[in-house]
């Protein structure tokens, strides 16, 4: 699942930059898009992993385990949450670093 996530992110980055060449690979909007698409691309493998790692003696059949509505909801919300968090972090980090450098310089005198 992690390998599929990485491969999805790499290809989505290439496709996103080809579609919007004015953006850079480190743009928050690129990160937002590719993280969401990477999460969605690797989601079936995450579900399969969960199915294979069931507790012994309490295993469910695949039909009992896999609930499409739960899968779509949790995958969508998880992907948006992760994409938004990383994009906001990318957007906030440079101004925060600049502020802290100024604060440290002011304290040192």
PDB file of N, CA and C in Angstrom:
ATOM      1  N   UNK A   1       0.824  -1.191   0.000  1.00  0.00           N
ATOM      2  CA  UNK A   1       0.000   0.000   0.000  1.00  0.00           C
ATOM      3  C   UNK A   1       0.860   1.243   0.000  1.00  0.00           C
ATOM      4  N   UNK A   2       1.930   1.264   0.764  1.00  0.00           N
ATOM      5  CA  UNK A   2       2.801   2.443   0.805  1.00  0.00           C
ATOM      6  C   UNK A   2       3.539   2.644  -0.513  1.00  0.00           C
ATOM      7  N   UNK A   3       3.926   1.537  -1.142  1.00  0.00           N
ATOM      8  CA  UNK A   3       4.604   1.633  -2.436  1.00  0.00           C
ATOM      9  C   UNK A   3       3.642   2.175  -3.485  1.00  0.00           C
ATOM     10  N   UNK A   4       2.415   1.690  -3.478  1.00  0.00           N
ATOM     11  CA  UNK A   4       1.405   2.178  -4.421  1.00  0.00           C
ATOM     12  C   UNK A   4       1.134   3.659  -4.176  1.00  0.00           C
ATOM     13  N   UNK A   5       1.080   4.069  -2.906  1.00  0.00           N
ATOM     14  CA  UNK A   5       0.874   5.482  -2.573  1.00  0.00           C
ATOM     15  C   UNK A   5       1.995   6.339  -3.171  1.00  0.00           C
ATOM     16  N   UNK A   6       3.237   5.905  -2.997  1.00  0.00           N
ATOM     17  CA  UNK A   6       4.372   6.658  -3.528  1.00  0.00           C
ATOM     18  C   UNK A   6       4.363   6.730  -5.042  1.00  0.00           C
ATOM     19  N   UNK A   7       4.056   5.617  -5.689  1.00  0.00           N
ATOM     20  CA  UNK A   7       3.996   5.603  -7.155  1.00  0.00           C
ATOM     21  C   UNK A   7       2.878   6.512  -7.646  1.00  0.00           C
ATOM     22  N   UNK A   8       1.712   6.439  -7.011  1.00  0.00           N
ATOM     23  CA  UNK A   8       0.589   7.321  -7.380  1.00  0.00           C
ATOM     24  C   UNK A   8       0.967   8.786  -7.224  1.00  0.00           C
ATOM     25  N   UNK A   9       1.607   9.116  -6.107  1.00  0.00           N
ATOM     26  CA  UNK A   9       2.007  10.515  -5.892  1.00  0.00           C
ATOM     27  C   UNK A   9       2.982  10.986  -6.952  1.00  0.00           C
ATOM     28  N   UNK A  10       3.942  10.141  -7.309  1.00  0.00           N
ATOM     29  CA  UNK A  10       4.921  10.540  -8.325  1.00  0.00           C
ATOM     30  C   UNK A  10       4.256  10.798  -9.670  1.00  0.00           C
ATOM     31  N   UNK A  11       3.423   9.866 -10.119  1.00  0.00           N
ATOM     32  CA  UNK A  11       2.752  10.057 -11.407  1.00  0.00           C
ATOM     33  C   UNK A  11       1.781  11.230 -11.363  1.00  0.00           C
ATOM     34  N   UNK A  12       1.062  11.387 -10.269  1.00  0.00           N
ATOM     35  CA  UNK A  12       0.126  12.512 -10.154  1.00  0.00           C
ATOM     36  C   UNK A  12       0.854  13.847 -10.138  1.00  0.00           C
ATOM     37  N   UNK A  13       2.049  13.880  -9.550  1.00  0.00           N
ATOM     38  CA  UNK A  13       2.846  15.108  -9.579  1.00  0.00           C
ATOM     39  C   UNK A  13       3.220  15.449 -11.014  1.00  0.00           C
ATOM     40  N   UNK A  14       3.668  14.460 -11.760  1.00  0.00           N
ATOM     41  CA  UNK A  14       4.037  14.682 -13.166  1.00  0.00           C
ATOM     42  C   UNK A  14       2.835  15.191 -13.950  1.00  0.00           C
ATOM     43  N   UNK A  15       1.689  14.535 -13.790  1.00  0.00           N
ATOM     44  CA  UNK A  15       0.488  14.923 -14.534  1.00  0.00           C
ATOM     45  C   UNK A  15      -0.028  16.293 -14.107  1.00  0.00           C
ATOM     46  N   UNK A  16       0.026  16.592 -12.820  1.00  0.00           N
ATOM     47  CA  UNK A  16      -0.449  17.891 -12.334  1.00  0.00           C
ATOM     48  C   UNK A  16       0.436  19.015 -12.853  1.00  0.00           C
ATOM     49  N   UNK A  17       1.748  18.809 -12.827  1.00  0.00           N
ATOM     50  CA  UNK A  17       2.659  19.842 -13.327  1.00  0.00           C
ATOM     51  C   UNK A  17       2.542  20.006 -14.840  1.00  0.00           C
ATOM     52  N   UNK A  18       2.228  18.932 -15.546  1.00  0.00           N
ATOM     53  CA  UNK A  18       2.003  19.041 -16.988  1.00  0.00           C
ATOM     54  C   UNK A  18       0.714  19.810 -17.274  1.00  0.00           C
ATOM     55  N   UNK A  19      -0.295  19.621 -16.432  1.00  0.00           N
ATOM     56  CA  UNK A  19      -1.577  20.311 -16.611  1.00  0.00           C
ATOM     57  C   UNK A  19      -1.508  21.775 -16.182  1.00  0.00           C
ATOM     58  N   UNK A  20      -0.660  22.078 -15.205  1.00  0.00           N
ATOM     59  CA  UNK A  20      -0.523  23.453 -14.695  1.00  0.00           C
ATOM     60  C   UNK A  20       0.967  23.788 -14.578  1.00  0.00           C
ATOM     61  N   UNK A  21       1.631  24.079 -15.703  1.00  0.00           N
ATOM     62  CA  UNK A  21       3.086  24.293 -15.676  1.00  0.00           C
ATOM     63  C   UNK A  21       3.530  25.520 -14.872  1.00  0.00           C
ATOM     64  N   UNK A  22       2.620  26.412 -14.539  1.00  0.00           N
ATOM     65  CA  UNK A  22       2.987  27.581 -13.741  1.00  0.00           C
ATOM     66  C   UNK A  22       3.229  27.215 -12.279  1.00  0.00           C
ATOM     67  N   UNK A  23       2.786  26.053 -11.851  1.00  0.00           N
ATOM     68  CA  UNK A  23       3.010  25.592 -10.481  1.00  0.00           C
ATOM     69  C   UNK A  23       4.346  24.876 -10.391  1.00  0.00           C
ATOM     70  N   UNK A  24       4.893  24.817  -9.189  1.00  0.00           N
ATOM     71  CA  UNK A  24       6.125  24.050  -8.968  1.00  0.00           C
ATOM     72  C   UNK A  24       5.788  22.807  -8.150  1.00  0.00           C
ATOM     73  N   UNK A  25       6.734  21.885  -8.108  1.00  0.00           N
ATOM     74  CA  UNK A  25       6.508  20.633  -7.372  1.00  0.00           C
ATOM     75  C   UNK A  25       6.317  20.875  -5.879  1.00  0.00           C
ATOM     76  N   UNK A  26       6.766  22.017  -5.380  1.00  0.00           N
ATOM     77  CA  UNK A  26       6.641  22.319  -3.950  1.00  0.00           C
ATOM     78  C   UNK A  26       5.473  23.256  -3.640  1.00  0.00           C
ATOM     79  N   UNK A  27       4.619  23.515  -4.620  1.00  0.00           N
ATOM     80  CA  UNK A  27       3.453  24.370  -4.391  1.00  0.00           C
ATOM     81  C   UNK A  27       2.432  23.645  -3.515  1.00  0.00           C
ATOM     82  N   UNK A  28       1.840  24.351  -2.556  1.00  0.00           N
ATOM     83  CA  UNK A  28       0.827  23.707  -1.706  1.00  0.00           C
ATOM     84  C   UNK A  28      -0.335  23.115  -2.495  1.00  0.00           C
ATOM     85  N   UNK A  29      -0.746  23.783  -3.571  1.00  0.00           N
ATOM     86  CA  UNK A  29      -1.866  23.266  -4.354  1.00  0.00           C
ATOM     87  C   UNK A  29      -1.504  21.958  -5.057  1.00  0.00           C
ATOM     88  N   UNK A  30      -0.249  21.814  -5.477  1.00  0.00           N
ATOM     89  CA  UNK A  30       0.192  20.549  -6.076  1.00  0.00           C
ATOM     90  C   UNK A  30       0.179  19.458  -5.017  1.00  0.00           C
ATOM     91  N   UNK A  31       0.708  19.772  -3.850  1.00  0.00           N
ATOM     92  CA  UNK A  31       0.744  18.786  -2.772  1.00  0.00           C
ATOM     93  C   UNK A  31      -0.671  18.355  -2.386  1.00  0.00           C
ATOM     94  N   UNK A  32      -1.588  19.303  -2.292  1.00  0.00           N
ATOM     95  CA  UNK A  32      -2.978  18.993  -1.953  1.00  0.00           C
ATOM     96  C   UNK A  32      -3.567  17.980  -2.938  1.00  0.00           C
ATOM     97  N   UNK A  33      -3.393  18.244  -4.220  1.00  0.00           N
ATOM     98  CA  UNK A  33      -3.956  17.374  -5.255  1.00  0.00           C
ATOM     99  C   UNK A  33      -3.308  15.996  -5.244  1.00  0.00           C
ATOM    100  N   UNK A  34      -1.966  15.962  -5.225  1.00  0.00           N
ATOM    101  CA  UNK A  34      -1.296  14.662  -5.366  1.00  0.00           C
ATOM    102  C   UNK A  34      -1.440  13.797  -4.116  1.00  0.00           C
ATOM    103  N   UNK A  35      -1.524  14.397  -2.946  1.00  0.00           N
ATOM    104  CA  UNK A  35      -1.727  13.598  -1.732  1.00  0.00           C
ATOM    105  C   UNK A  35      -3.120  12.967  -1.751  1.00  0.00           C
ATOM    106  N   UNK A  36      -4.119  13.735  -2.132  1.00  0.00           N
ATOM    107  CA  UNK A  36      -5.475  13.178  -2.210  1.00  0.00           C
ATOM    108  C   UNK A  36      -5.525  12.048  -3.234  1.00  0.00           C
ATOM    109  N   UNK A  37      -4.956  12.265  -4.412  1.00  0.00           N
ATOM    110  CA  UNK A  37      -4.980  11.219  -5.433  1.00  0.00           C
ATOM    111  C   UNK A  37      -4.157  10.004  -5.019  1.00  0.00           C
ATOM    112  N   UNK A  38      -3.040  10.231  -4.336  1.00  0.00           N
ATOM    113  CA  UNK A  38      -2.244   9.112  -3.836  1.00  0.00           C
ATOM    114  C   UNK A  38      -3.004   8.294  -2.807  1.00  0.00           C
ATOM    115  N   UNK A  39      -3.711   8.972  -1.920  1.00  0.00           N
ATOM    116  CA  UNK A  39      -4.530   8.262  -0.921  1.00  0.00           C
ATOM    117  C   UNK A  39      -5.636   7.459  -1.587  1.00  0.00           C
ATOM    118  N   UNK A  40      -6.285   8.058  -2.577  1.00  0.00           N
ATOM    119  CA  UNK A  40      -7.363   7.356  -3.268  1.00  0.00           C
ATOM    120  C   UNK A  40      -6.831   6.165  -4.065  1.00  0.00           C
ATOM    121  N   UNK A  41      -5.658   6.328  -4.672  1.00  0.00           N
ATOM    122  CA  UNK A  41      -5.071   5.243  -5.456  1.00  0.00           C
ATOM    123  C   UNK A  41      -4.624   4.064  -4.615  1.00  0.00           C
ATOM    124  N   UNK A  42      -4.163   4.339  -3.409  1.00  0.00           N
ATOM    125  CA  UNK A  42      -3.668   3.256  -2.555  1.00  0.00           C
ATOM    126  C   UNK A  42      -4.740   2.703  -1.613  1.00  0.00           C
ATOM    127  N   UNK A  43      -5.910   3.313  -1.597  1.00  0.00           N
ATOM    128  CA  UNK A  43      -6.968   2.910  -0.664  1.00  0.00           C
ATOM    129  C   UNK A  43      -7.399   1.446  -0.788  1.00  0.00           C
ATOM    130  N   UNK A  44      -7.555   0.901  -1.995  1.00  0.00           N
ATOM    131  CA  UNK A  44      -7.945  -0.521  -2.056  1.00  0.00           C
ATOM    132  C   UNK A  44      -6.926  -1.439  -1.386  1.00  0.00           C
ATOM    133  N   UNK A  45      -5.650  -1.087  -1.482  1.00  0.00           N
ATOM    134  CA  UNK A  45      -4.614  -1.909  -0.856  1.00  0.00           C
ATOM    135  C   UNK A  45      -4.649  -1.766   0.665  1.00  0.00           C
ATOM    136  N   UNK A  46      -5.040  -0.604   1.141  1.00  0.00           N
ATOM    137  CA  UNK A  46      -5.205  -0.406   2.576  1.00  0.00           C
ATOM    138  C   UNK A  46      -6.357  -1.270   3.100  1.00  0.00           C
ATOM    139  N   UNK A  47      -7.427  -1.329   2.327  1.00  0.00           N
ATOM    140  CA  UNK A  47      -8.578  -2.156   2.707  1.00  0.00           C
ATOM    141  C   UNK A  47      -8.191  -3.636   2.697  1.00  0.00           C
ATOM    142  N   UNK A  48      -7.456  -4.038   1.701  1.00  0.00           N
ATOM    143  CA  UNK A  48      -6.995  -5.428   1.592  1.00  0.00           C
ATOM    144  C   UNK A  48      -6.093  -5.775   2.767  1.00  0.00           C
ATOM    145  N   UNK A  49      -5.214  -4.844   3.128  1.00  0.00           N
ATOM    146  CA  UNK A  49      -4.328  -5.036   4.280  1.00  0.00           C
ATOM    147  C   UNK A  49      -5.150  -5.249   5.552  1.00  0.00           C
ATOM    148  N   UNK A  50      -6.159  -4.412   5.762  1.00  0.00           N
ATOM    149  CA  UNK A  50      -7.025  -4.558   6.930  1.00  0.00           C
ATOM    150  C   UNK A  50      -7.737  -5.900   6.949  1.00  0.00           C
ATOM    151  N   UNK A  51      -8.163  -6.353   5.785  1.00  0.00           N
ATOM    152  CA  UNK A  51      -8.833  -7.653   5.689  1.00  0.00           C
ATOM    153  C   UNK A  51      -7.869  -8.779   6.061  1.00  0.00           C
ATOM    154  N   UNK A  52      -6.638  -8.702   5.566  1.00  0.00           N
ATOM    155  CA  UNK A  52      -5.655  -9.758   5.835  1.00  0.00           C
ATOM    156  C   UNK A  52      -5.168  -9.756   7.280  1.00  0.00           C
ATOM    157  N   UNK A  53      -5.237  -8.618   7.964  1.00  0.00           N
ATOM    158  CA  UNK A  53      -4.729  -8.509   9.332  1.00  0.00           C
ATOM    159  C   UNK A  53      -5.815  -8.672  10.398  1.00  0.00           C
ATOM    160  N   UNK A  54      -6.917  -9.301  10.050  1.00  0.00           N
ATOM    161  CA  UNK A  54      -7.980  -9.532  11.031  1.00  0.00           C
ATOM    162  C   UNK A  54      -7.489 -10.458  12.139  1.00  0.00           C
ATOM    163  N   UNK A  55      -8.052 -10.289  13.313  1.00  0.00           N
ATOM    164  CA  UNK A  55      -7.704 -11.138  14.458  1.00  0.00           C
ATOM    165  C   UNK A  55      -8.110 -12.577  14.182  1.00  0.00           C
ATOM    166  N   UNK A  56      -7.233 -13.489  14.556  1.00  0.00           N
ATOM    167  CA  UNK A  56      -7.525 -14.916  14.370  1.00  0.00           C
ATOM    168  C   UNK A  56      -8.733 -15.315  15.221  1.00  0.00           C
ATOM    169  N   UNK A  57      -9.578 -16.106  14.639  1.00  0.00           N
ATOM    170  CA  UNK A  57     -10.775 -16.550  15.336  1.00  0.00           C
ATOM    171  C   UNK A  57     -11.959 -15.613  15.172  1.00  0.00           C
ATOM    172  N   UNK A  58     -11.708 -14.398  14.696  1.00  0.00           N
ATOM    173  CA  UNK A  58     -12.788 -13.421  14.510  1.00  0.00           C
ATOM    174  C   UNK A  58     -12.852 -12.933  13.067  1.00  0.00           C
ATOM    175  N   UNK A  59     -12.305 -13.746  12.146  1.00  0.00           N
ATOM    176  CA  UNK A  59     -12.252 -13.336  10.750  1.00  0.00           C
ATOM    177  C   UNK A  59     -13.649 -13.214  10.144  1.00  0.00           C
ATOM    178  N   UNK A  60     -13.812 -12.205   9.345  1.00  0.00           N
ATOM    179  CA  UNK A  60     -15.039 -12.007   8.584  1.00  0.00           C
ATOM    180  C   UNK A  60     -14.767 -12.408   7.142  1.00  0.00           C
ATOM    181  N   UNK A  61     -15.806 -12.793   6.431  1.00  0.00           N
ATOM    182  CA  UNK A  61     -15.638 -13.025   5.000  1.00  0.00           C
ATOM    183  C   UNK A  61     -15.411 -11.666   4.341  1.00  0.00           C
ATOM    184  N   UNK A  62     -14.907 -11.680   3.112  1.00  0.00           N
ATOM    185  CA  UNK A  62     -14.656 -10.405   2.443  1.00  0.00           C
ATOM    186  C   UNK A  62     -15.952  -9.623   2.270  1.00  0.00           C
ATOM    187  N   UNK A  63     -17.029 -10.322   1.985  1.00  0.00           N
ATOM    188  CA  UNK A  63     -18.319  -9.646   1.808  1.00  0.00           C
ATOM    189  C   UNK A  63     -18.780  -8.988   3.110  1.00  0.00           C
ATOM    190  N   UNK A  64     -18.535  -9.644   4.236  1.00  0.00           N
ATOM    191  CA  UNK A  64     -18.898  -9.067   5.538  1.00  0.00           C
ATOM    192  C   UNK A  64     -17.961  -7.916   5.913  1.00  0.00           C
ATOM    193  N   UNK A  65     -16.683  -8.061   5.567  1.00  0.00           N
ATOM    194  CA  UNK A  65     -15.676  -7.074   5.950  1.00  0.00           C
ATOM    195  C   UNK A  65     -15.793  -5.794   5.127  1.00  0.00           C
ATOM    196  N   UNK A  66     -15.946  -5.953   3.823  1.00  0.00           N
ATOM    197  CA  UNK A  66     -15.923  -4.801   2.922  1.00  0.00           C
ATOM    198  C   UNK A  66     -17.308  -4.198   2.789  1.00  0.00           C
ATOM    199  N   UNK A  67     -17.440  -2.983   3.270  1.00  0.00           N
ATOM    200  CA  UNK A  67     -18.685  -2.226   3.161  1.00  0.00           C
ATOM    201  C   UNK A  67     -18.406  -1.022   2.261  1.00  0.00           C
ATOM    202  N   UNK A  68     -18.899  -1.041   1.011  1.00  0.00           N
ATOM    203  CA  UNK A  68     -18.566   0.033   0.068  1.00  0.00           C
ATOM    204  C   UNK A  68     -18.852   1.441   0.587  1.00  0.00           C
ATOM    205  N   UNK A  69     -19.970   1.646   1.266  1.00  0.00           N
ATOM    206  CA  UNK A  69     -20.284   3.002   1.740  1.00  0.00           C
ATOM    207  C   UNK A  69     -19.281   3.456   2.796  1.00  0.00           C
ATOM    208  N   UNK A  70     -18.894   2.564   3.698  1.00  0.00           N
ATOM    209  CA  UNK A  70     -17.881   2.914   4.708  1.00  0.00           C
ATOM    210  C   UNK A  70     -16.534   3.178   4.047  1.00  0.00           C
ATOM    211  N   UNK A  71     -16.194   2.354   3.054  1.00  0.00           N
ATOM    212  CA  UNK A  71     -14.928   2.503   2.339  1.00  0.00           C
ATOM    213  C   UNK A  71     -14.842   3.864   1.656  1.00  0.00           C
ATOM    214  N   UNK A  72     -15.883   4.228   0.924  1.00  0.00           N
ATOM    215  CA  UNK A  72     -15.885   5.506   0.199  1.00  0.00           C
ATOM    216  C   UNK A  72     -15.823   6.672   1.180  1.00  0.00           C
ATOM    217  N   UNK A  73     -16.608   6.610   2.248  1.00  0.00           N
ATOM    218  CA  UNK A  73     -16.631   7.700   3.224  1.00  0.00           C
ATOM    219  C   UNK A  73     -15.284   7.858   3.914  1.00  0.00           C
ATOM    220  N   UNK A  74     -14.748   6.783   4.455  1.00  0.00           N
ATOM    221  CA  UNK A  74     -13.496   6.893   5.208  1.00  0.00           C
ATOM    222  C   UNK A  74     -12.325   7.236   4.298  1.00  0.00           C
ATOM    223  N   UNK A  75     -12.321   6.689   3.080  1.00  0.00           N
ATOM    224  CA  UNK A  75     -11.242   6.996   2.144  1.00  0.00           C
ATOM    225  C   UNK A  75     -11.290   8.458   1.732  1.00  0.00           C
ATOM    226  N   UNK A  76     -12.467   8.945   1.390  1.00  0.00           N
ATOM    227  CA  UNK A  76     -12.603  10.342   0.956  1.00  0.00           C
ATOM    228  C   UNK A  76     -12.229  11.313   2.066  1.00  0.00           C
ATOM    229  N   UNK A  77     -12.787  11.100   3.249  1.00  0.00           N
ATOM    230  CA  UNK A  77     -12.493  12.009   4.362  1.00  0.00           C
ATOM    231  C   UNK A  77     -11.021  11.946   4.767  1.00  0.00           C
ATOM    232  N   UNK A  78     -10.469  10.748   4.810  1.00  0.00           N
ATOM    233  CA  UNK A  78      -9.057  10.602   5.167  1.00  0.00           C
ATOM    234  C   UNK A  78      -8.142  11.261   4.156  1.00  0.00           C
ATOM    235  N   UNK A  79      -8.452  11.105   2.865  1.00  0.00           N
ATOM    236  CA  UNK A  79      -7.626  11.700   1.814  1.00  0.00           C
ATOM    237  C   UNK A  79      -7.689  13.226   1.865  1.00  0.00           C
ATOM    238  N   UNK A  80      -8.881  13.766   2.031  1.00  0.00           N
ATOM    239  CA  UNK A  80      -9.025  15.227   2.095  1.00  0.00           C
ATOM    240  C   UNK A  80      -8.330  15.776   3.337  1.00  0.00           C
ATOM    241  N   UNK A  81      -8.490  15.098   4.459  1.00  0.00           N
ATOM    242  CA  UNK A  81      -7.852  15.551   5.702  1.00  0.00           C
ATOM    243  C   UNK A  81      -6.329  15.557   5.560  1.00  0.00           C
ATOM    244  N   UNK A  82      -5.769  14.488   5.015  1.00  0.00           N
ATOM    245  CA  UNK A  82      -4.315  14.413   4.868  1.00  0.00           C
ATOM    246  C   UNK A  82      -3.817  15.429   3.846  1.00  0.00           C
ATOM    247  N   UNK A  83      -4.503  15.557   2.721  1.00  0.00           N
ATOM    248  CA  UNK A  83      -4.099  16.527   1.705  1.00  0.00           C
ATOM    249  C   UNK A  83      -4.158  17.951   2.217  1.00  0.00           C
ATOM    250  N   UNK A  84      -5.216  18.283   2.927  1.00  0.00           N
ATOM    251  CA  UNK A  84      -5.371  19.630   3.474  1.00  0.00           C
ATOM    252  C   UNK A  84      -4.309  19.927   4.529  1.00  0.00           C
ATOM    253  N   UNK A  85      -4.062  18.975   5.412  1.00  0.00           N
ATOM    254  CA  UNK A  85      -3.071  19.188   6.472  1.00  0.00           C
ATOM    255  C   UNK A  85      -1.678  19.418   5.891  1.00  0.00           C
ATOM    256  N   UNK A  86      -1.283  18.611   4.924  1.00  0.00           N
ATOM    257  CA  UNK A  86       0.051  18.777   4.340  1.00  0.00           C
ATOM    258  C   UNK A  86       0.155  20.058   3.520  1.00  0.00           C
ATOM    259  N   UNK A  87      -0.897  20.398   2.775  1.00  0.00           N
ATOM    260  CA  UNK A  87      -0.868  21.622   1.979  1.00  0.00           C
ATOM    261  C   UNK A  87      -0.814  22.862   2.869  1.00  0.00           C
ATOM    262  N   UNK A  88      -1.588  22.880   3.938  1.00  0.00           N
ATOM    263  CA  UNK A  88      -1.556  24.022   4.867  1.00  0.00           C
ATOM    264  C   UNK A  88      -0.187  24.120   5.530  1.00  0.00           C
ATOM    265  N   UNK A  89       0.390  22.982   5.875  1.00  0.00           N
ATOM    266  CA  UNK A  89       1.741  22.986   6.441  1.00  0.00           C
ATOM    267  C   UNK A  89       2.760  23.556   5.473  1.00  0.00           C
ATOM    268  N   UNK A  90       2.675  23.166   4.205  1.00  0.00           N
ATOM    269  CA  UNK A  90       3.582  23.707   3.186  1.00  0.00           C
ATOM    270  C   UNK A  90       3.382  25.206   3.020  1.00  0.00           C
ATOM    271  N   UNK A  91       2.133  25.650   3.123  1.00  0.00           N
ATOM    272  CA  UNK A  91       1.820  27.059   2.951  1.00  0.00           C
ATOM    273  C   UNK A  91       2.292  27.881   4.155  1.00  0.00           C
ATOM    274  N   UNK A  92       2.154  27.337   5.365  1.00  0.00           N
ATOM    275  CA  UNK A  92       2.486  28.061   6.597  1.00  0.00           C
ATOM    276  C   UNK A  92       3.965  28.003   6.970  1.00  0.00           C
ATOM    277  N   UNK A  93       4.672  26.995   6.547  1.00  0.00           N
ATOM    278  CA  UNK A  93       6.047  26.798   7.010  1.00  0.00           C
ATOM    279  C   UNK A  93       6.991  27.947   6.651  1.00  0.00           C
ATOM    280  N   UNK A  94       7.035  28.447   5.411  1.00  0.00           N
ATOM    281  CA  UNK A  94       7.981  29.537   5.114  1.00  0.00           C
ATOM    282  C   UNK A  94       7.745  30.808   5.935  1.00  0.00           C
ATOM    283  N   UNK A  95       6.507  31.318   6.063  1.00  0.00           N
ATOM    284  CA  UNK A  95       6.324  32.504   6.903  1.00  0.00           C
ATOM    285  C   UNK A  95       6.645  32.239   8.374  1.00  0.00           C
ATOM    286  N   UNK A  96       6.315  31.051   8.861  1.00  0.00           N
ATOM    287  CA  UNK A  96       6.613  30.723  10.260  1.00  0.00           C
ATOM    288  C   UNK A  96       8.118  30.666  10.487  1.00  0.00           C
ATOM    289  N   UNK A  97       8.852  30.081   9.549  1.00  0.00           N
ATOM    290  CA  UNK A  97      10.313  30.014   9.673  1.00  0.00           C
ATOM    291  C   UNK A  97      10.922  31.413   9.642  1.00  0.00           C
ATOM    292  N   UNK A  98      10.412  32.265   8.766  1.00  0.00           N
ATOM    293  CA  UNK A  98      10.913  33.642   8.682  1.00  0.00           C
ATOM    294  C   UNK A  98      10.636  34.397   9.982  1.00  0.00           C
ATOM    295  N   UNK A  99       9.436  34.217  10.535  1.00  0.00           N
ATOM    296  CA  UNK A  99       9.081  34.867  11.793  1.00  0.00           C
ATOM    297  C   UNK A  99      10.001  34.406  12.918  1.00  0.00           C
ATOM    298  N   UNK A 100      10.226  33.098  13.014  1.00  0.00           N
ATOM    299  CA  UNK A 100      11.088  32.569  14.076  1.00  0.00           C
ATOM    300  C   UNK A 100      12.529  33.042  13.931  1.00  0.00           C
ATOM    301  N   UNK A 101      13.018  33.121  12.705  1.00  0.00           N
ATOM    302  CA  UNK A 101      14.374  33.635  12.499  1.00  0.00           C
ATOM    303  C   UNK A 101      14.472  35.085  12.954  1.00  0.00           C
ATOM    304  N   UNK A 102      13.449  35.880  12.643  1.00  0.00           N
ATOM    305  CA  UNK A 102      13.433  37.267  13.100  1.00  0.00           C
ATOM    306  C   UNK A 102      13.357  37.369  14.609  1.00  0.00           C
ATOM    307  N   UNK A 103      12.561  36.518  15.226  1.00  0.00           N
ATOM    308  CA  UNK A 103      12.430  36.499  16.674  1.00  0.00           C
ATOM    309  C   UNK A 103      13.752  36.115  17.337  1.00  0.00           C
ATOM    310  N   UNK A 104      14.404  35.111  16.812  1.00  0.00           N
ATOM    311  CA  UNK A 104      15.697  34.682  17.365  1.00  0.00           C
ATOM    312  C   UNK A 104      16.736  35.778  17.196  1.00  0.00           C
ATOM    313  N   UNK A 105      16.732  36.434  16.034  1.00  0.00           N
ATOM    314  CA  UNK A 105      17.671  37.542  15.809  1.00  0.00           C
ATOM    315  C   UNK A 105      17.417  38.686  16.781  1.00  0.00           C
ATOM    316  N   UNK A 106      16.138  38.980  17.055  1.00  0.00           N
ATOM    317  CA  UNK A 106      15.796  40.058  17.980  1.00  0.00           C
ATOM    318  C   UNK A 106      16.223  39.718  19.404  1.00  0.00           C
ATOM    319  N   UNK A 107      16.082  38.460  19.791  1.00  0.00           N
ATOM    320  CA  UNK A 107      16.473  38.046  21.140  1.00  0.00           C
ATOM    321  C   UNK A 107      17.986  38.107  21.305  1.00  0.00           C
ATOM    322  N   UNK A 108      18.716  37.669  20.271  1.00  0.00           N
ATOM    323  CA  UNK A 108      20.180  37.679  20.340  1.00  0.00           C
ATOM    324  C   UNK A 108      20.732  39.098  20.315  1.00  0.00           C
ATOM    325  N   UNK A 109      19.959  40.003  19.775  1.00  0.00           N
ATOM    326  CA  UNK A 109      20.348  41.406  19.810  1.00  0.00           C
ATOM    327  C   UNK A 109      21.021  41.818  18.606  1.00  0.00           C
TER     328      UNK A 109
END
